[in-house]
Amino acid sequence: MINLKKHTSQILVHLLFWMLFILVSLFIFSRYYWAENPFLQYLSILVVLVYVNNFILLPFFVKRKWYLLYSLLFIAISFFATQLYCNVFAQCGCSIMKCLSDYLWQTLVPLIFFSFIWMLFRFLDEQNQKEDMIKQHTQMELKFLKSQINPHVLFNNLNTIYSYSIEKPAETPELILMLSNNLKHVLYESNSQYVTLEKELHFLENYIKFQKIRTEGVKQIHYQTKITNQQLNIAPLLLITIIENAFKHSTLNSVISIDIEEQNKVLSCSCKNDFDSANTDTTEFKIGLNNLKKRLDLLYPDKHTLVITNHKQFEVVLTLDLT
């Protein structure tokens, strides 16, 4: 479909130019009758020159970057074609310089115009190819980053179910149902480029419920949300990295605070936790946040801020423009 539109636009440009060029030229040479008009006789040769240049010369020389040779050939073709028109078709009997000053424009205008059009469409094709390559690279990188995120989430949930199937088997069915919902989100929803904020928050709430059960009596969890529009779209599995890191690397008998707010289509996620820098695996810690930064750069360029501080507490604040 795109190629059809491109070819159609090219054909229209060519037709419109030739129509305008012929009308202008006939107006200038109005003193000739149609059968005797030297321009109309020369037009067939001019058309051949233009399309030999477009389909053979330009692709050949530009591909090899022989710009100087092409320029010299272009000048030579323009010169000899003008002399041909002047001496054979118009038979003006004038000098070389007079011939060039009076008739060179007829050869140069279509050659320069269609050379420009050829280079313009070539440039647009290259830009489209670059955009396609960037898009494919982005999709592949996002799939890779998601594949790194998903196992961490599932692994933590399965560990929780395993421990409770031994210690508190009565609570296991509810956990399995929650895990089923989270599996659906991770395996299906995360394949979409965007999901509704409502679905993403439901996934996060299930995860936090898992953690509340798993860390009961060990950690305090303060979780609150303030959302004005749950139907806004957001890239899946962005916020889970921040929250998961807080649970994984917070110290015992500490408080984890999670605040998610949305106002005027701007989402803010703040997560605070105590951590022990001496006993924290900083390499693993950085991998998750680096993945998050990459995804944000790919999906929300110039539409996000990510602030990380680790003074008395480790705090991550992410702001997203969801417009």
Protein backbone atom coordinates (compact mmCIF):
# COMPACT_ATOMS: atom_id res chain seq x y z
CA MET A 1 0.00 0.00 0.00
CA ILE A 2 2.82 2.39 0.90
CA ASN A 3 4.72 1.52 -2.29
CA LEU A 4 1.56 2.07 -4.37
CA LYS A 5 1.11 5.55 -2.87
CA LYS A 6 4.76 6.31 -3.47
CA HIS A 7 4.63 5.26 -7.14
CA THR A 8 1.36 7.12 -7.67
CA SER A 9 2.80 10.32 -6.24
CA GLN A 10 5.91 9.96 -8.42
CA ILE A 11 3.82 9.49 -11.57
CA LEU A 12 1.71 12.54 -10.72
CA VAL A 13 4.79 14.68 -10.15
CA HIS A 14 6.26 13.62 -13.50
CA LEU A 15 3.02 14.19 -15.42
CA LEU A 16 2.38 17.59 -13.87
CA PHE A 17 5.93 18.76 -14.56
CA TRP A 18 5.90 17.70 -18.21
CA MET A 19 2.53 19.34 -18.78
CA LEU A 20 3.68 22.61 -17.24
CA PHE A 21 7.06 22.49 -18.99
CA ILE A 22 5.48 21.90 -22.40
CA LEU A 23 2.95 24.71 -21.94
CA VAL A 24 5.62 27.18 -20.88
CA SER A 25 7.91 26.17 -23.74
CA LEU A 26 5.13 26.41 -26.34
CA PHE A 27 4.23 29.85 -25.05
CA ILE A 28 7.83 31.01 -25.49
CA PHE A 29 8.04 29.50 -29.00
CA SER A 30 4.53 30.52 -30.02
CA ARG A 31 5.75 31.87 -33.36
CA TYR A 32 6.19 28.28 -34.62
CA TYR A 33 3.40 26.10 -35.93
CA TRP A 34 2.88 22.80 -34.14
CA ALA A 35 4.35 20.74 -36.98
CA GLU A 36 7.38 23.01 -37.27
CA ASN A 37 8.04 23.61 -33.58
CA PRO A 38 11.67 22.62 -32.85
CA PHE A 39 10.90 22.18 -29.17
CA LEU A 40 8.28 19.50 -29.81
CA GLN A 41 10.73 17.69 -32.09
CA TYR A 42 13.45 17.90 -29.45
CA LEU A 43 11.10 16.83 -26.64
CA SER A 44 11.43 13.10 -27.39
CA ILE A 45 15.22 13.29 -27.06
CA LEU A 46 14.86 15.34 -23.87
CA VAL A 47 12.55 12.72 -22.34
CA VAL A 48 15.08 9.98 -23.17
CA LEU A 49 17.89 12.00 -21.55
CA VAL A 50 15.87 12.62 -18.39
CA TYR A 51 14.92 8.98 -17.82
CA VAL A 52 18.33 7.59 -18.78
CA ASN A 53 19.68 9.96 -16.15
CA ASN A 54 17.07 8.86 -13.59
CA PHE A 55 17.17 5.12 -14.12
CA ILE A 56 20.79 4.53 -15.15
CA LEU A 57 23.21 7.39 -14.48
CA LEU A 58 22.04 8.59 -11.07
CA PRO A 59 21.73 5.12 -9.47
CA PHE A 60 25.09 4.07 -10.93
CA PHE A 61 27.14 7.10 -9.87
CA VAL A 62 25.41 7.84 -6.55
CA LYS A 63 25.76 4.24 -5.40
CA ARG A 64 29.52 4.44 -5.97
CA LYS A 65 29.67 8.03 -4.68
CA TRP A 66 31.32 9.23 -7.88
CA TYR A 67 29.81 12.68 -7.53
CA LEU A 68 32.53 14.58 -9.39
CA LEU A 69 32.40 12.25 -12.39
CA TYR A 70 28.61 12.50 -12.44
CA SER A 71 28.80 16.31 -12.33
CA LEU A 72 31.20 16.38 -15.27
CA LEU A 73 29.01 13.95 -17.24
CA PHE A 74 25.92 16.00 -16.37
CA ILE A 75 27.57 19.16 -17.69
CA ALA A 76 28.71 17.40 -20.86
CA ILE A 77 25.25 15.96 -21.55
CA SER A 78 23.63 19.36 -21.00
CA PHE A 79 26.16 21.08 -23.28
CA PHE A 80 25.95 18.67 -26.21
CA ALA A 81 22.17 18.27 -25.94
CA THR A 82 21.77 22.04 -26.12
CA GLN A 83 24.08 22.23 -29.15
CA LEU A 84 22.07 19.45 -30.78
CA TYR A 85 18.84 21.36 -30.21
CA CYS A 86 20.34 24.66 -31.37
CA ASN A 87 22.04 23.46 -34.55
CA VAL A 88 19.85 20.55 -35.69
CA PHE A 89 16.30 21.30 -34.50
CA ALA A 90 16.16 25.09 -34.17
CA GLN A 91 18.88 25.73 -36.79
CA CYS A 92 19.52 29.17 -35.38
CA GLY A 93 23.05 29.39 -36.77
CA CYS A 94 24.18 31.29 -33.65
CA SER A 95 27.43 31.03 -31.72
CA ILE A 96 28.03 28.47 -28.97
CA MET A 97 27.61 31.06 -26.19
CA LYS A 98 24.48 32.51 -27.76
CA CYS A 99 23.08 29.03 -28.14
CA LEU A 100 23.74 28.23 -24.49
CA SER A 101 22.27 31.49 -23.24
CA ASP A 102 19.06 31.04 -25.28
CA TYR A 103 18.40 27.29 -25.09
CA LEU A 104 20.39 25.73 -22.24
CA TRP A 105 17.49 26.20 -19.82
CA GLN A 106 15.35 23.76 -21.81
CA THR A 107 17.79 20.96 -21.15
CA LEU A 108 18.78 21.92 -17.61
CA VAL A 109 15.33 22.50 -16.12
CA PRO A 110 13.96 18.94 -16.58
CA LEU A 111 17.33 17.31 -15.85
CA ILE A 112 17.84 19.25 -12.61
CA PHE A 113 14.22 18.96 -11.53
CA PHE A 114 13.99 15.19 -11.98
CA SER A 115 17.43 14.67 -10.47
CA PHE A 116 16.20 16.52 -7.41
CA ILE A 117 12.99 14.45 -7.32
CA TRP A 118 15.01 11.24 -7.61
CA MET A 119 17.26 12.25 -4.72
CA LEU A 120 14.28 13.37 -2.63
CA PHE A 121 12.47 10.04 -2.97
CA ARG A 122 15.72 8.19 -2.36
CA PHE A 123 16.20 10.17 0.85
CA LEU A 124 12.63 9.43 1.95
CA ASP A 125 13.14 5.72 1.24
CA GLU A 126 16.33 5.70 3.32
CA GLN A 127 14.54 7.46 6.17
CA ASN A 128 11.72 4.91 6.06
CA GLN A 129 14.23 2.07 6.10
CA LYS A 130 16.02 3.61 9.07
CA GLU A 131 12.73 4.04 10.92
CA ASP A 132 11.79 0.42 10.20
CA MET A 133 15.17 -0.77 11.45
CA ILE A 134 14.85 1.34 14.62
CA LYS A 135 11.31 0.05 15.16
CA GLN A 136 12.40 -3.58 14.73
CA HIS A 137 15.39 -3.04 17.00
CA THR A 138 13.14 -1.41 19.61
CA GLN A 139 10.65 -4.28 19.50
CA MET A 140 13.42 -6.88 19.81
CA GLU A 141 15.02 -5.01 22.70
CA LEU A 142 11.71 -4.63 24.49
CA LYS A 143 10.99 -8.34 24.12
CA PHE A 144 14.44 -9.11 25.52
CA LEU A 145 13.96 -6.77 28.45
CA LYS A 146 10.52 -8.22 29.18
CA SER A 147 11.98 -11.72 29.12
CA GLN A 148 14.40 -10.61 31.84
CA ILE A 149 11.62 -9.13 33.96
CA ASN A 150 8.96 -11.86 33.76
CA PRO A 151 10.88 -14.75 35.38
CA HIS A 152 11.72 -12.62 38.44
CA VAL A 153 8.06 -11.86 39.09
CA LEU A 154 6.91 -15.44 38.65
CA PHE A 155 9.79 -16.84 40.67
CA ASN A 156 8.89 -14.71 43.69
CA ASN A 157 5.21 -15.61 43.48
CA LEU A 158 5.94 -19.34 43.23
CA ASN A 159 8.25 -19.15 46.22
CA THR A 160 5.45 -17.57 48.25
CA ILE A 161 2.94 -20.27 47.27
CA TYR A 162 5.45 -23.02 48.01
CA SER A 163 6.18 -21.72 51.50
CA TYR A 164 2.49 -21.25 52.32
CA SER A 165 1.51 -24.67 51.00
CA ILE A 166 3.64 -26.02 53.85
CA GLU A 167 3.01 -23.47 56.61
CA LYS A 168 -0.54 -22.25 55.88
CA PRO A 169 -2.20 -24.57 53.35
CA ALA A 170 -5.62 -22.98 53.93
CA GLU A 171 -4.46 -19.77 52.29
CA THR A 172 -2.92 -21.51 49.28
CA PRO A 173 -6.06 -21.53 47.00
CA GLU A 174 -6.38 -17.73 47.17
CA LEU A 175 -2.71 -17.36 46.35
CA ILE A 176 -3.05 -19.70 43.39
CA LEU A 177 -5.98 -17.62 42.06
CA MET A 178 -3.93 -14.45 42.44
CA LEU A 179 -1.01 -16.11 40.70
CA SER A 180 -3.34 -17.14 37.86
CA ASN A 181 -4.34 -13.51 37.35
CA ASN A 182 -0.73 -12.40 37.42
CA LEU A 183 0.27 -15.12 34.96
CA LYS A 184 -2.42 -13.90 32.59
CA HIS A 185 -1.09 -10.37 32.87
CA VAL A 186 2.54 -11.35 32.39
CA LEU A 187 2.01 -13.87 29.59
CA TYR A 188 -0.68 -12.06 27.61
CA GLU A 189 -1.05 -8.43 28.60
CA SER A 190 2.70 -7.79 28.59
CA ASN A 191 2.82 -8.73 24.89
CA SER A 192 0.81 -5.62 24.17
CA GLN A 193 2.66 -2.37 23.82
CA TYR A 194 0.26 -0.73 26.27
CA VAL A 195 -2.35 -1.83 28.79
CA THR A 196 -4.87 0.14 30.80
CA LEU A 197 -3.71 1.60 34.07
CA GLU A 198 -6.50 -0.37 35.76
CA LYS A 199 -5.05 -3.71 34.64
CA GLU A 200 -1.52 -2.75 35.57
CA LEU A 201 -2.56 -1.60 39.04
CA HIS A 202 -4.53 -4.81 39.59
CA PHE A 203 -1.39 -6.76 38.74
CA LEU A 204 0.65 -4.67 41.19
CA GLU A 205 -1.95 -5.07 43.94
CA ASN A 206 -1.82 -8.85 43.57
CA TYR A 207 1.95 -8.77 43.77
CA ILE A 208 1.88 -6.58 46.87
CA LYS A 209 -0.69 -8.91 48.49
CA PHE A 210 1.74 -11.76 47.91
CA GLN A 211 4.49 -9.79 49.58
CA LYS A 212 2.31 -8.77 52.52
CA ILE A 213 1.55 -12.41 53.20
CA ARG A 214 5.15 -13.49 52.71
CA THR A 215 6.65 -10.73 54.89
CA GLU A 216 3.95 -10.67 57.58
CA GLY A 217 5.50 -9.76 60.93
CA VAL A 218 8.80 -8.96 59.26
CA LYS A 219 8.09 -5.86 57.18
CA GLN A 220 5.44 -3.15 57.18
CA ILE A 221 3.96 -2.21 53.84
CA HIS A 222 2.26 1.11 53.24
CA TYR A 223 0.58 1.08 49.85
CA GLN A 224 -1.80 3.73 48.57
CA THR A 225 -3.08 4.88 45.19
CA LYS A 226 -4.87 7.97 44.00
CA ILE A 227 -5.97 7.57 40.38
CA THR A 228 -8.37 9.89 38.56
CA ASN A 229 -8.47 7.96 35.26
CA GLN A 230 -7.86 4.22 35.31
CA GLN A 231 -8.44 3.89 31.56
CA LEU A 232 -5.20 5.63 30.63
CA ASN A 233 -2.69 3.45 28.81
CA ILE A 234 0.71 2.52 30.21
CA ALA A 235 3.47 0.18 29.09
CA PRO A 236 3.16 -3.10 31.02
CA LEU A 237 5.61 -4.22 33.71
CA LEU A 238 7.24 -0.84 34.23
CA LEU A 239 6.33 -0.16 37.85
CA ILE A 240 6.88 -3.73 39.03
CA THR A 241 10.66 -3.33 38.73
CA ILE A 242 10.66 -0.49 41.27
CA ILE A 243 8.36 -2.28 43.70
CA GLU A 244 10.06 -5.64 43.35
CA ASN A 245 13.47 -4.14 44.11
CA ALA A 246 12.07 -2.56 47.27
CA PHE A 247 10.91 -5.93 48.59
CA LYS A 248 13.99 -7.84 47.52
CA HIS A 249 16.56 -5.45 48.97
CA SER A 250 14.81 -3.93 52.01
CA THR A 251 16.08 -4.86 55.46
CA LEU A 252 14.16 -6.85 58.06
CA ASN A 253 11.79 -5.01 60.43
CA SER A 254 11.61 -2.07 58.02
CA VAL A 255 8.89 -0.08 56.32
CA ILE A 256 8.20 -0.09 52.59
CA SER A 257 6.17 2.86 51.32
CA ILE A 258 4.56 2.77 47.89
CA ASP A 259 2.58 5.72 46.57
CA ILE A 260 1.05 5.78 43.10
CA GLU A 261 -0.82 8.86 41.95
CA GLU A 262 -2.24 10.06 38.66
CA GLN A 263 -3.46 13.55 37.93
CA ASN A 264 -3.98 15.29 34.59
CA LYS A 265 -2.62 12.19 32.81
CA VAL A 266 0.67 12.37 34.70
CA LEU A 267 1.51 9.29 36.73
CA SER A 268 3.84 9.38 39.71
CA CYS A 269 5.17 6.28 41.44
CA SER A 270 7.22 6.73 44.62
CA CYS A 271 8.78 3.78 46.44
CA LYS A 272 10.88 4.02 49.64
CA ASN A 273 12.59 1.32 51.63
CA ASP A 274 15.40 0.85 54.15
CA PHE A 275 18.36 -1.09 52.83
CA ASP A 276 21.72 -2.33 54.00
CA SER A 277 24.33 -1.25 51.47
CA ALA A 278 26.88 -3.69 52.89
CA ASN A 279 24.65 -6.72 52.34
CA THR A 280 22.85 -5.63 49.16
CA ASP A 281 23.79 -7.21 45.85
CA THR A 282 24.29 -3.97 43.94
CA THR A 283 24.92 -5.79 40.65
CA GLU A 284 21.52 -7.45 40.68
CA PHE A 285 20.00 -4.25 41.98
CA LYS A 286 21.39 -2.21 39.10
CA ILE A 287 20.32 -4.73 36.43
CA GLY A 288 16.64 -4.22 37.18
CA LEU A 289 16.89 -0.43 37.26
CA ASN A 290 19.05 -0.34 34.12
CA ASN A 291 16.43 -2.41 32.31
CA LEU A 292 13.80 0.03 33.52
CA LYS A 293 15.81 3.00 32.26
CA LYS A 294 16.21 1.39 28.83
CA ARG A 295 12.50 0.68 28.52
CA LEU A 296 11.64 4.21 29.58
CA ASP A 297 14.05 5.67 27.03
CA LEU A 298 12.51 3.52 24.29
CA LEU A 299 8.85 3.94 25.20
CA TYR A 300 8.71 7.38 26.82
CA PRO A 301 11.49 9.52 25.34
CA ASP A 302 11.32 13.04 26.82
CA LYS A 303 8.13 12.05 28.66
CA HIS A 304 9.52 10.65 31.91
CA THR A 305 11.77 11.38 34.86
CA LEU A 306 13.42 8.77 37.05
CA VAL A 307 15.05 9.95 40.26
CA ILE A 308 16.97 7.51 42.45
CA THR A 309 18.38 8.47 45.87
CA ASN A 310 20.05 6.24 48.45
CA HIS A 311 20.92 8.34 51.48
CA LYS A 312 19.16 7.21 54.66
CA GLN A 313 16.59 5.34 52.56
CA PHE A 314 16.54 4.01 49.05
CA GLU A 315 13.94 5.97 47.15
CA VAL A 316 12.85 5.72 43.52
CA VAL A 317 10.46 8.28 42.05
CA LEU A 318 9.18 7.75 38.52
CA THR A 319 7.03 10.32 36.73
CA LEU A 320 5.35 9.44 33.44
CA ASP A 321 3.45 11.58 30.99
CA LEU A 322 0.67 9.27 29.79
CA THR A 323 -0.79 11.60 27.16
